[in-house]
Amino acid sequence: MIRNIELNDAKQICELYNFYVENAVCTFEMDPVSVEEMTKRIENITESYPWIVAEEDGLIIGYAYAGKWKERSAYRFTVEASVYIRSGYEGNRLGTTMYTSLIRRLRAQGIHAVIGGVVLPNVQSERLHERLGFKKIGHFS
């Protein structure tokens, strides 16, 4: 089931996200995020943009959200999106389902450009973005 996030999801979101904080470089975070901090992030994002979760038998197995890309007015219809899948649930097209649902919601909101950052190497994420029509437009070394 894909649904809108709720504040009481913050604990499970932390569990899912902090796995990547502790075991990968894709988050750019150095320390695990607390439930209180994640709750604030959820509140801030959902004031303006969608944040959705995939739930299976009460367990959040993935989430996707979008946030502001830049402050200047010309970027008001551009967002940066993120998708995270719980470790062990990768490879079943959940990322595609989540991203597709998120993009549909963003279009309905008038957003016309979605930016997705990928830390390389990450073949699964590169393929996901390519499958959804994203084009590589830059590379930060």
N, C-alpha and C. Protein backbone atom coordinates (compact mmCIF):
# COMPACT_ATOMS: atom_id res chain seq x y z
N MET A 1 0.84 -1.18 0.00
CA MET A 1 0.00 0.00 0.00
C MET A 1 0.89 1.24 0.00
N ILE A 2 0.57 2.17 -0.87
CA ILE A 2 1.26 3.46 -0.88
C ILE A 2 0.30 4.49 -0.34
N ARG A 3 0.79 5.27 0.61
CA ARG A 3 -0.05 6.27 1.26
C ARG A 3 0.80 7.48 1.64
N ASN A 4 0.12 8.55 2.03
CA ASN A 4 0.83 9.73 2.54
C ASN A 4 1.46 9.41 3.88
N ILE A 5 2.59 10.02 4.13
CA ILE A 5 3.27 9.82 5.40
C ILE A 5 2.46 10.43 6.54
N GLU A 6 2.63 9.89 7.72
CA GLU A 6 2.05 10.43 8.94
C GLU A 6 3.18 10.68 9.92
N LEU A 7 3.00 11.62 10.82
CA LEU A 7 4.07 11.94 11.77
C LEU A 7 4.49 10.74 12.59
N ASN A 8 3.54 9.85 12.90
CA ASN A 8 3.89 8.69 13.71
C ASN A 8 4.70 7.64 12.92
N ASP A 9 4.98 7.91 11.64
CA ASP A 9 5.86 7.05 10.85
C ASP A 9 7.33 7.38 11.07
N ALA A 10 7.61 8.46 11.76
CA ALA A 10 9.00 8.94 11.89
C ALA A 10 9.96 7.88 12.43
N LYS A 11 9.52 7.08 13.38
CA LYS A 11 10.41 6.06 13.96
C LYS A 11 10.82 5.05 12.90
N GLN A 12 9.87 4.54 12.14
CA GLN A 12 10.21 3.56 11.10
C GLN A 12 11.02 4.21 9.97
N ILE A 13 10.72 5.46 9.67
CA ILE A 13 11.49 6.16 8.64
C ILE A 13 12.95 6.27 9.10
N CYS A 14 13.15 6.58 10.36
CA CYS A 14 14.52 6.65 10.91
C CYS A 14 15.23 5.30 10.79
N GLU A 15 14.56 4.23 11.14
CA GLU A 15 15.17 2.90 11.04
C GLU A 15 15.62 2.63 9.62
N LEU A 16 14.74 2.90 8.67
CA LEU A 16 15.04 2.65 7.26
C LEU A 16 16.18 3.56 6.80
N TYR A 17 16.07 4.85 7.06
CA TYR A 17 17.04 5.84 6.59
C TYR A 17 18.39 5.67 7.27
N ASN A 18 18.39 5.47 8.58
CA ASN A 18 19.66 5.38 9.32
C ASN A 18 20.49 4.18 8.89
N PHE A 19 19.87 3.15 8.34
CA PHE A 19 20.65 2.06 7.75
C PHE A 19 21.60 2.62 6.70
N TYR A 20 21.08 3.51 5.86
CA TYR A 20 21.89 4.10 4.80
C TYR A 20 22.90 5.11 5.34
N VAL A 21 22.52 5.83 6.40
CA VAL A 21 23.47 6.75 7.04
C VAL A 21 24.68 5.98 7.53
N GLU A 22 24.44 4.83 8.13
CA GLU A 22 25.51 4.04 8.76
C GLU A 22 26.25 3.13 7.79
N ASN A 23 25.66 2.80 6.64
CA ASN A 23 26.26 1.79 5.76
C ASN A 23 26.53 2.25 4.33
N ALA A 24 26.26 3.50 4.03
CA ALA A 24 26.44 3.99 2.66
C ALA A 24 26.83 5.47 2.72
N VAL A 25 27.07 6.05 1.57
CA VAL A 25 27.41 7.47 1.52
C VAL A 25 26.32 8.31 0.86
N CYS A 26 25.26 7.69 0.40
CA CYS A 26 24.24 8.37 -0.40
C CYS A 26 23.47 9.45 0.35
N THR A 27 23.44 9.43 1.66
CA THR A 27 22.64 10.40 2.42
C THR A 27 23.41 11.70 2.69
N PHE A 28 24.73 11.64 2.64
CA PHE A 28 25.61 12.76 3.00
C PHE A 28 25.47 13.15 4.46
N GLU A 29 24.92 12.27 5.27
CA GLU A 29 24.82 12.50 6.71
C GLU A 29 25.96 11.75 7.38
N MET A 30 26.45 12.30 8.48
CA MET A 30 27.52 11.65 9.22
C MET A 30 27.00 10.86 10.43
N ASP A 31 25.87 11.29 10.98
CA ASP A 31 25.33 10.68 12.18
C ASP A 31 23.88 10.27 11.96
N PRO A 32 23.44 9.20 12.61
CA PRO A 32 22.04 8.79 12.51
C PRO A 32 21.11 9.94 12.91
N VAL A 33 19.93 9.94 12.31
CA VAL A 33 18.94 10.99 12.56
C VAL A 33 17.98 10.51 13.65
N SER A 34 17.70 11.39 14.61
CA SER A 34 16.78 11.05 15.69
C SER A 34 15.32 11.12 15.20
N VAL A 35 14.45 10.48 15.95
CA VAL A 35 13.03 10.51 15.63
C VAL A 35 12.52 11.96 15.68
N GLU A 36 12.99 12.73 16.65
CA GLU A 36 12.57 14.13 16.76
C GLU A 36 12.99 14.92 15.53
N GLU A 37 14.21 14.74 15.08
CA GLU A 37 14.69 15.44 13.88
C GLU A 37 13.92 14.99 12.65
N MET A 38 13.66 13.70 12.52
CA MET A 38 12.92 13.20 11.37
C MET A 38 11.50 13.75 11.37
N THR A 39 10.90 13.85 12.54
CA THR A 39 9.55 14.42 12.64
C THR A 39 9.55 15.85 12.12
N LYS A 40 10.56 16.64 12.49
CA LYS A 40 10.67 18.02 11.99
C LYS A 40 10.82 18.03 10.47
N ARG A 41 11.62 17.13 9.94
CA ARG A 41 11.82 17.06 8.49
C ARG A 41 10.51 16.73 7.77
N ILE A 42 9.78 15.78 8.34
CA ILE A 42 8.49 15.41 7.75
C ILE A 42 7.54 16.61 7.76
N GLU A 43 7.48 17.31 8.89
CA GLU A 43 6.61 18.48 8.98
C GLU A 43 7.01 19.54 7.96
N ASN A 44 8.29 19.82 7.83
CA ASN A 44 8.76 20.85 6.91
C ASN A 44 8.46 20.48 5.46
N ILE A 45 8.74 19.26 5.08
CA ILE A 45 8.52 18.85 3.69
C ILE A 45 7.03 18.86 3.35
N THR A 46 6.23 18.28 4.23
CA THR A 46 4.81 18.10 3.90
C THR A 46 4.00 19.40 3.97
N GLU A 47 4.60 20.48 4.41
CA GLU A 47 3.94 21.78 4.32
C GLU A 47 3.69 22.14 2.86
N SER A 48 4.60 21.72 1.96
CA SER A 48 4.53 22.14 0.56
C SER A 48 4.57 21.01 -0.45
N TYR A 49 5.13 19.87 -0.07
CA TYR A 49 5.38 18.81 -1.05
C TYR A 49 4.93 17.45 -0.52
N PRO A 50 4.74 16.50 -1.45
CA PRO A 50 4.33 15.16 -1.01
C PRO A 50 5.48 14.35 -0.41
N TRP A 51 5.12 13.51 0.53
CA TRP A 51 6.02 12.50 1.10
C TRP A 51 5.14 11.27 1.24
N ILE A 52 5.50 10.21 0.56
CA ILE A 52 4.69 9.00 0.57
C ILE A 52 5.50 7.83 1.12
N VAL A 53 4.79 6.84 1.60
CA VAL A 53 5.43 5.63 2.11
C VAL A 53 4.78 4.41 1.47
N ALA A 54 5.56 3.35 1.36
CA ALA A 54 5.04 2.04 0.97
C ALA A 54 5.02 1.19 2.23
N GLU A 55 3.88 0.61 2.51
CA GLU A 55 3.70 -0.15 3.74
C GLU A 55 3.25 -1.56 3.40
N GLU A 56 3.82 -2.52 4.11
CA GLU A 56 3.45 -3.91 3.93
C GLU A 56 3.29 -4.53 5.32
N ASP A 57 2.09 -4.94 5.64
CA ASP A 57 1.79 -5.55 6.94
C ASP A 57 2.28 -4.69 8.11
N GLY A 58 2.06 -3.37 8.00
CA GLY A 58 2.44 -2.45 9.07
C GLY A 58 3.88 -2.00 9.05
N LEU A 59 4.70 -2.54 8.16
CA LEU A 59 6.11 -2.18 8.07
C LEU A 59 6.32 -1.25 6.89
N ILE A 60 6.95 -0.11 7.14
CA ILE A 60 7.28 0.80 6.04
C ILE A 60 8.50 0.23 5.33
N ILE A 61 8.31 -0.10 4.05
CA ILE A 61 9.37 -0.74 3.27
C ILE A 61 9.99 0.21 2.25
N GLY A 62 9.47 1.41 2.17
CA GLY A 62 10.05 2.40 1.28
C GLY A 62 9.37 3.73 1.47
N TYR A 63 10.06 4.78 1.04
CA TYR A 63 9.44 6.10 1.05
C TYR A 63 10.05 6.97 -0.02
N ALA A 64 9.29 7.98 -0.40
CA ALA A 64 9.74 8.93 -1.41
C ALA A 64 9.17 10.30 -1.06
N TYR A 65 9.97 11.31 -1.30
CA TYR A 65 9.49 12.67 -1.06
C TYR A 65 10.21 13.62 -2.00
N ALA A 66 9.69 14.83 -2.07
CA ALA A 66 10.33 15.88 -2.86
C ALA A 66 10.43 17.12 -2.01
N GLY A 67 11.46 17.89 -2.28
CA GLY A 67 11.66 19.14 -1.56
C GLY A 67 12.14 20.23 -2.51
N LYS A 68 12.16 21.42 -2.01
CA LYS A 68 12.56 22.57 -2.79
C LYS A 68 13.98 22.39 -3.34
N TRP A 69 14.17 22.75 -4.61
CA TRP A 69 15.49 22.65 -5.23
C TRP A 69 16.33 23.87 -4.89
N LYS A 70 15.82 25.05 -5.14
CA LYS A 70 16.54 26.29 -4.85
C LYS A 70 15.54 27.35 -4.42
N GLU A 71 16.04 28.39 -3.80
CA GLU A 71 15.18 29.44 -3.25
C GLU A 71 14.62 30.40 -4.30
N ARG A 72 15.35 30.69 -5.35
CA ARG A 72 14.92 31.71 -6.29
C ARG A 72 13.60 31.34 -6.97
N SER A 73 12.81 32.36 -7.26
CA SER A 73 11.46 32.19 -7.80
C SER A 73 11.43 31.34 -9.07
N ALA A 74 12.42 31.47 -9.91
CA ALA A 74 12.43 30.73 -11.17
C ALA A 74 12.44 29.21 -10.94
N TYR A 75 12.86 28.78 -9.78
CA TYR A 75 12.92 27.35 -9.46
C TYR A 75 11.68 26.84 -8.73
N ARG A 76 10.65 27.65 -8.63
CA ARG A 76 9.50 27.26 -7.80
C ARG A 76 8.74 26.05 -8.33
N PHE A 77 8.96 25.68 -9.58
CA PHE A 77 8.30 24.51 -10.16
C PHE A 77 9.29 23.35 -10.34
N THR A 78 10.41 23.43 -9.63
CA THR A 78 11.45 22.41 -9.69
C THR A 78 11.68 21.86 -8.28
N VAL A 79 11.78 20.55 -8.17
CA VAL A 79 12.03 19.92 -6.87
C VAL A 79 13.16 18.90 -7.00
N GLU A 80 13.71 18.55 -5.86
CA GLU A 80 14.65 17.43 -5.78
C GLU A 80 13.92 16.29 -5.07
N ALA A 81 13.98 15.11 -5.66
CA ALA A 81 13.27 13.96 -5.10
C ALA A 81 14.25 12.95 -4.51
N SER A 82 13.78 12.22 -3.53
CA SER A 82 14.55 11.15 -2.91
C SER A 82 13.65 9.93 -2.73
N VAL A 83 14.23 8.78 -2.94
CA VAL A 83 13.54 7.51 -2.73
C VAL A 83 14.47 6.60 -1.94
N TYR A 84 13.95 6.00 -0.89
CA TYR A 84 14.71 5.03 -0.10
C TYR A 84 13.87 3.77 0.06
N ILE A 85 14.52 2.64 -0.13
CA ILE A 85 13.87 1.33 0.02
C ILE A 85 14.55 0.61 1.18
N ARG A 86 13.75 0.00 2.04
CA ARG A 86 14.29 -0.72 3.19
C ARG A 86 15.24 -1.82 2.70
N SER A 87 16.35 -1.95 3.38
CA SER A 87 17.32 -2.99 3.05
C SER A 87 16.62 -4.35 3.07
N GLY A 88 16.83 -5.11 2.01
CA GLY A 88 16.19 -6.42 1.88
C GLY A 88 14.97 -6.40 0.99
N TYR A 89 14.48 -5.21 0.64
CA TYR A 89 13.30 -5.09 -0.22
C TYR A 89 13.65 -4.50 -1.59
N GLU A 90 14.93 -4.39 -1.88
CA GLU A 90 15.36 -3.85 -3.16
C GLU A 90 15.12 -4.87 -4.27
N GLY A 91 15.07 -4.36 -5.51
CA GLY A 91 15.02 -5.25 -6.66
C GLY A 91 13.65 -5.75 -7.06
N ASN A 92 12.59 -5.21 -6.46
CA ASN A 92 11.25 -5.68 -6.81
C ASN A 92 10.40 -4.57 -7.46
N ARG A 93 11.07 -3.57 -8.00
CA ARG A 93 10.43 -2.43 -8.69
C ARG A 93 9.67 -1.51 -7.74
N LEU A 94 9.90 -1.65 -6.45
CA LEU A 94 9.25 -0.76 -5.50
C LEU A 94 9.70 0.68 -5.72
N GLY A 95 10.98 0.89 -6.02
CA GLY A 95 11.47 2.24 -6.30
C GLY A 95 10.74 2.87 -7.47
N THR A 96 10.50 2.09 -8.51
CA THR A 96 9.77 2.59 -9.68
C THR A 96 8.34 2.96 -9.30
N THR A 97 7.69 2.10 -8.55
CA THR A 97 6.32 2.36 -8.11
C THR A 97 6.25 3.62 -7.25
N MET A 98 7.19 3.75 -6.33
CA MET A 98 7.19 4.92 -5.43
C MET A 98 7.45 6.21 -6.22
N TYR A 99 8.47 6.18 -7.07
CA TYR A 99 8.82 7.36 -7.84
C TYR A 99 7.68 7.77 -8.77
N THR A 100 7.05 6.79 -9.42
CA THR A 100 5.93 7.07 -10.33
C THR A 100 4.79 7.73 -9.58
N SER A 101 4.46 7.22 -8.42
CA SER A 101 3.40 7.81 -7.60
C SER A 101 3.77 9.22 -7.15
N LEU A 102 5.01 9.41 -6.75
CA LEU A 102 5.46 10.73 -6.32
C LEU A 102 5.39 11.72 -7.48
N ILE A 103 5.88 11.34 -8.64
CA ILE A 103 5.88 12.23 -9.81
C ILE A 103 4.45 12.59 -10.20
N ARG A 104 3.55 11.64 -10.14
CA ARG A 104 2.14 11.91 -10.45
C ARG A 104 1.59 13.00 -9.52
N ARG A 105 1.91 12.90 -8.25
CA ARG A 105 1.44 13.89 -7.28
C ARG A 105 2.09 15.25 -7.53
N LEU A 106 3.36 15.24 -7.90
CA LEU A 106 4.05 16.49 -8.17
C LEU A 106 3.48 17.19 -9.40
N ARG A 107 3.19 16.42 -10.44
CA ARG A 107 2.56 17.00 -11.65
C ARG A 107 1.24 17.67 -11.31
N ALA A 108 0.44 16.99 -10.49
CA ALA A 108 -0.86 17.55 -10.10
C ALA A 108 -0.70 18.85 -9.33
N GLN A 109 0.46 19.04 -8.74
CA GLN A 109 0.77 20.23 -7.96
C GLN A 109 1.39 21.33 -8.84
N GLY A 110 1.61 21.03 -10.12
CA GLY A 110 2.18 22.02 -11.03
C GLY A 110 3.70 21.97 -11.15
N ILE A 111 4.32 20.98 -10.56
CA ILE A 111 5.78 20.83 -10.66
C ILE A 111 6.11 20.29 -12.04
N HIS A 112 7.11 20.89 -12.72
CA HIS A 112 7.45 20.43 -14.06
C HIS A 112 8.86 19.89 -14.19
N ALA A 113 9.68 20.01 -13.17
CA ALA A 113 11.04 19.46 -13.23
C ALA A 113 11.37 18.78 -11.91
N VAL A 114 11.82 17.52 -12.01
CA VAL A 114 12.21 16.75 -10.83
C VAL A 114 13.67 16.38 -11.00
N ILE A 115 14.46 16.70 -10.01
CA ILE A 115 15.89 16.40 -10.02
C ILE A 115 16.14 15.26 -9.04
N GLY A 116 16.92 14.28 -9.48
CA GLY A 116 17.29 13.17 -8.61
C GLY A 116 18.80 13.05 -8.58
N GLY A 117 19.38 13.09 -7.41
CA GLY A 117 20.82 12.94 -7.27
C GLY A 117 21.16 11.49 -6.98
N VAL A 118 22.23 11.00 -7.61
CA VAL A 118 22.68 9.63 -7.41
C VAL A 118 24.15 9.64 -7.06
N VAL A 119 24.50 9.05 -5.92
CA VAL A 119 25.90 8.90 -5.56
C VAL A 119 26.43 7.68 -6.29
N LEU A 120 27.50 7.87 -7.03
CA LEU A 120 28.07 6.78 -7.85
C LEU A 120 29.19 6.08 -7.12
N PRO A 121 29.35 4.80 -7.33
CA PRO A 121 28.56 3.94 -8.21
C PRO A 121 27.29 3.46 -7.50
N ASN A 122 26.21 3.39 -8.26
CA ASN A 122 24.93 2.89 -7.76
C ASN A 122 24.09 2.49 -8.97
N VAL A 123 24.39 1.33 -9.51
CA VAL A 123 23.76 0.87 -10.75
C VAL A 123 22.24 0.80 -10.61
N GLN A 124 21.74 0.31 -9.49
CA GLN A 124 20.28 0.20 -9.31
C GLN A 124 19.61 1.57 -9.39
N SER A 125 20.19 2.55 -8.73
CA SER A 125 19.59 3.88 -8.74
C SER A 125 19.72 4.53 -10.12
N GLU A 126 20.86 4.34 -10.77
CA GLU A 126 21.02 4.87 -12.12
C GLU A 126 19.96 4.28 -13.06
N ARG A 127 19.77 2.98 -13.00
CA ARG A 127 18.77 2.32 -13.85
C ARG A 127 17.36 2.81 -13.54
N LEU A 128 17.06 2.97 -12.26
CA LEU A 128 15.75 3.47 -11.86
C LEU A 128 15.48 4.83 -12.50
N HIS A 129 16.42 5.74 -12.35
CA HIS A 129 16.24 7.08 -12.90
C HIS A 129 16.14 7.06 -14.43
N GLU A 130 16.96 6.26 -15.07
CA GLU A 130 16.90 6.15 -16.54
C GLU A 130 15.56 5.58 -16.99
N ARG A 131 15.08 4.56 -16.29
CA ARG A 131 13.80 3.93 -16.63
C ARG A 131 12.65 4.94 -16.56
N LEU A 132 12.76 5.90 -15.67
CA LEU A 132 11.70 6.88 -15.49
C LEU A 132 11.90 8.13 -16.35
N GLY A 133 12.92 8.11 -17.21
CA GLY A 133 13.12 9.22 -18.14
C GLY A 133 14.05 10.32 -17.68
N PHE A 134 14.70 10.13 -16.53
CA PHE A 134 15.66 11.12 -16.08
C PHE A 134 16.87 11.09 -17.02
N LYS A 135 17.48 12.24 -17.21
CA LYS A 135 18.68 12.36 -18.03
C LYS A 135 19.80 12.94 -17.17
N LYS A 136 20.99 12.40 -17.35
CA LYS A 136 22.15 12.94 -16.62
C LYS A 136 22.49 14.32 -17.19
N ILE A 137 22.49 15.30 -16.29
CA ILE A 137 22.79 16.66 -16.76
C ILE A 137 24.03 17.25 -16.09
N GLY A 138 24.59 16.51 -15.17
CA GLY A 138 25.77 17.02 -14.50
C GLY A 138 26.43 15.96 -13.63
N HIS A 139 27.61 16.26 -13.21
CA HIS A 139 28.38 15.32 -12.39
C HIS A 139 29.22 16.14 -11.41
N PHE A 140 28.94 15.98 -10.12
CA PHE A 140 29.74 16.60 -9.09
C PHE A 140 30.84 15.62 -8.70
N SER A 141 32.06 16.02 -8.80
CA SER A 141 33.17 15.13 -8.41
C SER A 141 33.36 15.14 -6.92
